[in-house]
Amino acid sequence: MNSLRINYRFFFSGNNFISFFVICILLCTLPSCKNQKKIVLNNGKCILDYKNAKALTTNLKANEFYFDKLNAKLSVESLIDSSSNSFTINLKIKKDSVIWMSISKFGIEGARVLITKDSVKLNISFGEKKYFVGDFSYISKLLNADLDFEILQSLLVGNSVAFYDEDSKLKPGNNNCQYTLGTIRKRKLRRVMEKGKELRESAQSIYLIPESFKISRILFYEFNPDRSLDVRYSDYSTVDSAQVLPMKMSLIFKGQKNIFMDATYTKISLNQEQTFPFKIPEGYEQIIYDEKK
């Protein structure tokens, strides 16, 4: 098979299905809960019981979405700089093992994705026929972010990224009637920004709904270079009589490209039989990322 060399700009092209693949990784790689009830006093001010970082992470873990097998369909609206698109994703996840996606537009499949802990595979059948075979190190270099299977799996179902094992480094707080967990204190961040100094460390924050300790927002930000990923969850609903899942996700990625995305679960089921069909037909061209470009 022939090789096709592409650069960063091509990979983010709004008119190419490969951009949809990057968005799926970012579903990652990315809303506040519209229907949540806030805890308030009679004078209208918010009040929350103080909880330290360990108490917040304990409640966060206890209320995460647990499953063995997940089948779902998502409706997605995206905007990459000035290019808008809408498409549908059929999603299958076998916990800690496989993430499979079929991406379609107007009922026609345009791309298929198969992700395991060790590999990332993409098959584009819409328009020019291409394929990609690689791993998360490639995706991480492309996006300038440390990504892996666990992060993607967690963010797809509204669970936290596993940074909460270091409780002593997490900073608890509250914001807009929600609990927060962060890797840097808000006051320090404000002082650094006001003085125009460089914040060398990356930071992230998690916002928790006080009634359920489900996540309403995950924010990652880096100041050198200036880049952020803001994922918000809303419309939490009960699935399979017990589990609670955010039915809507909103993502804003700011960097060399600005990516906005809204995704809505339109169908979901748990623990049904699954298959993960993926094939690279003869004659497809291989996509190879040229790091020098």
Foldseek 3Di string as FASTA:
>chain_A
DAADEDELCVCCDLVACSVVVLVLLCLVPAFFAPPADFDADPVGHGDDDDDALVRLVVLQVVQAFDAQKKWFKKWKWKQKPHRIDTWMWTWIDGPLAWIKIFIGDPPHTAKIWIAGQAWTKIFGDPDATAIEIDAVVVSCVSQVHDDGPQSSVQSNFQHDDPPSPPRVQWGWDADPRWIKIKNDDPVVVVVCVVVVHADQDKMKMWTARVVRRGTQWIKTAHVVPGKIKIKGFYDWDDAPNHHTTGQKMWIWIDDPITMTMIMGTPDMHGDDDDDRDDDRDPPHHYYDYDPVD
